[in-house]
Amino acid sequence: MIFYTNTPGLVVNSKKANKTIARFDKDGKFETHNPVIIAKMREHF
């Protein structure tokens, strides 16, 4: 699944795991096939 944002280079961190979940590229695009990450990102994007 591909997520888009208006903020290029955005980094999404996990408070619980204290690590980076997603790192958007300079075009504001992030692609993942991990169902856990997709579920977490869907709440916000």
N, C-alpha and C. Protein backbone atom coordinates (compact mmCIF):
# COMPACT_ATOMS: atom_id res chain seq x y z
N MET A 1 0.84 -1.18 0.00
CA MET A 1 0.00 0.00 0.00
C MET A 1 0.89 1.24 0.00
N ILE A 2 0.44 2.27 -0.69
CA ILE A 2 1.22 3.51 -0.79
C ILE A 2 0.49 4.62 -0.04
N PHE A 3 1.23 5.33 0.79
CA PHE A 3 0.70 6.48 1.51
C PHE A 3 1.35 7.74 0.98
N TYR A 4 0.56 8.83 0.93
CA TYR A 4 1.08 10.12 0.48
C TYR A 4 0.90 11.15 1.58
N THR A 5 1.79 12.14 1.61
CA THR A 5 1.69 13.24 2.56
C THR A 5 2.13 14.53 1.87
N ASN A 6 1.68 15.66 2.41
CA ASN A 6 2.10 16.96 1.87
C ASN A 6 3.47 17.36 2.39
N THR A 7 3.99 16.63 3.38
CA THR A 7 5.27 16.96 3.99
C THR A 7 6.34 16.01 3.46
N PRO A 8 7.17 16.44 2.51
CA PRO A 8 8.23 15.55 2.01
C PRO A 8 9.26 15.26 3.09
N GLY A 9 9.73 14.03 3.13
CA GLY A 9 10.74 13.66 4.12
C GLY A 9 10.19 13.41 5.50
N LEU A 10 8.87 13.29 5.63
CA LEU A 10 8.24 13.06 6.94
C LEU A 10 8.67 11.70 7.50
N VAL A 11 8.94 11.66 8.80
CA VAL A 11 9.30 10.42 9.47
C VAL A 11 8.27 10.15 10.55
N VAL A 12 7.69 8.94 10.55
CA VAL A 12 6.69 8.55 11.54
C VAL A 12 7.35 7.60 12.53
N ASN A 13 7.29 7.94 13.81
CA ASN A 13 7.90 7.13 14.86
C ASN A 13 6.83 6.45 15.70
N SER A 14 7.20 5.31 16.30
CA SER A 14 6.32 4.59 17.21
C SER A 14 6.67 4.97 18.64
N LYS A 15 5.67 5.40 19.41
CA LYS A 15 5.92 5.72 20.82
C LYS A 15 6.19 4.45 21.62
N LYS A 16 5.43 3.40 21.31
CA LYS A 16 5.55 2.15 22.07
C LYS A 16 6.89 1.45 21.82
N ALA A 17 7.22 1.28 20.54
CA ALA A 17 8.45 0.56 20.18
C ALA A 17 9.66 1.49 20.15
N ASN A 18 9.40 2.80 20.16
CA ASN A 18 10.47 3.81 20.14
C ASN A 18 11.40 3.63 18.93
N LYS A 19 10.80 3.42 17.76
CA LYS A 19 11.59 3.31 16.53
C LYS A 19 10.81 3.87 15.35
N THR A 20 11.48 4.05 14.24
CA THR A 20 10.86 4.62 13.05
C THR A 20 9.96 3.59 12.38
N ILE A 21 8.70 3.98 12.12
CA ILE A 21 7.76 3.11 11.42
C ILE A 21 7.83 3.38 9.92
N ALA A 22 7.80 4.66 9.54
CA ALA A 22 7.74 5.02 8.13
C ALA A 22 8.60 6.24 7.86
N ARG A 23 9.24 6.23 6.70
CA ARG A 23 10.04 7.39 6.28
C ARG A 23 9.60 7.75 4.86
N PHE A 24 8.91 8.88 4.72
CA PHE A 24 8.44 9.32 3.42
C PHE A 24 9.60 9.90 2.62
N ASP A 25 9.58 9.69 1.30
CA ASP A 25 10.67 10.20 0.46
C ASP A 25 10.43 11.67 0.11
N LYS A 26 11.30 12.22 -0.73
CA LYS A 26 11.23 13.65 -1.04
C LYS A 26 9.96 14.02 -1.82
N ASP A 27 9.28 13.04 -2.39
CA ASP A 27 8.02 13.28 -3.10
C ASP A 27 6.82 13.11 -2.18
N GLY A 28 7.05 12.80 -0.91
CA GLY A 28 5.95 12.61 0.03
C GLY A 28 5.26 11.27 -0.13
N LYS A 29 6.03 10.24 -0.54
CA LYS A 29 5.45 8.92 -0.80
C LYS A 29 6.11 7.88 0.09
N PHE A 30 5.31 6.94 0.60
CA PHE A 30 5.83 5.84 1.40
C PHE A 30 5.08 4.58 1.02
N GLU A 31 5.81 3.49 0.71
CA GLU A 31 5.18 2.24 0.30
C GLU A 31 5.57 1.13 1.26
N THR A 32 4.56 0.34 1.67
CA THR A 32 4.82 -0.78 2.57
C THR A 32 3.91 -1.95 2.21
N HIS A 33 4.36 -3.15 2.55
CA HIS A 33 3.54 -4.36 2.38
C HIS A 33 3.28 -5.01 3.73
N ASN A 34 3.76 -4.38 4.81
CA ASN A 34 3.59 -4.92 6.16
C ASN A 34 2.18 -4.59 6.66
N PRO A 35 1.33 -5.59 6.92
CA PRO A 35 -0.06 -5.32 7.33
C PRO A 35 -0.18 -4.60 8.67
N VAL A 36 0.78 -4.79 9.56
CA VAL A 36 0.74 -4.12 10.87
C VAL A 36 0.96 -2.62 10.68
N ILE A 37 1.93 -2.26 9.87
CA ILE A 37 2.20 -0.85 9.61
C ILE A 37 1.04 -0.20 8.86
N ILE A 38 0.46 -0.91 7.89
CA ILE A 38 -0.68 -0.39 7.14
C ILE A 38 -1.83 -0.07 8.09
N ALA A 39 -2.12 -0.97 9.03
CA ALA A 39 -3.21 -0.76 9.98
C ALA A 39 -2.96 0.47 10.85
N LYS A 40 -1.73 0.64 11.31
CA LYS A 40 -1.40 1.79 12.15
C LYS A 40 -1.45 3.10 11.37
N MET A 41 -0.98 3.08 10.14
CA MET A 41 -0.94 4.29 9.32
C MET A 41 -2.33 4.70 8.86
N ARG A 42 -3.22 3.74 8.64
CA ARG A 42 -4.57 4.04 8.18
C ARG A 42 -5.33 4.95 9.14
N GLU A 43 -5.01 4.85 10.43
CA GLU A 43 -5.69 5.68 11.43
C GLU A 43 -5.39 7.16 11.21
N HIS A 44 -4.24 7.47 10.62
CA HIS A 44 -3.79 8.85 10.55
C HIS A 44 -3.72 9.43 9.14
N PHE A 45 -3.71 8.57 8.12
CA PHE A 45 -3.57 9.07 6.75
C PHE A 45 -4.76 8.67 5.91
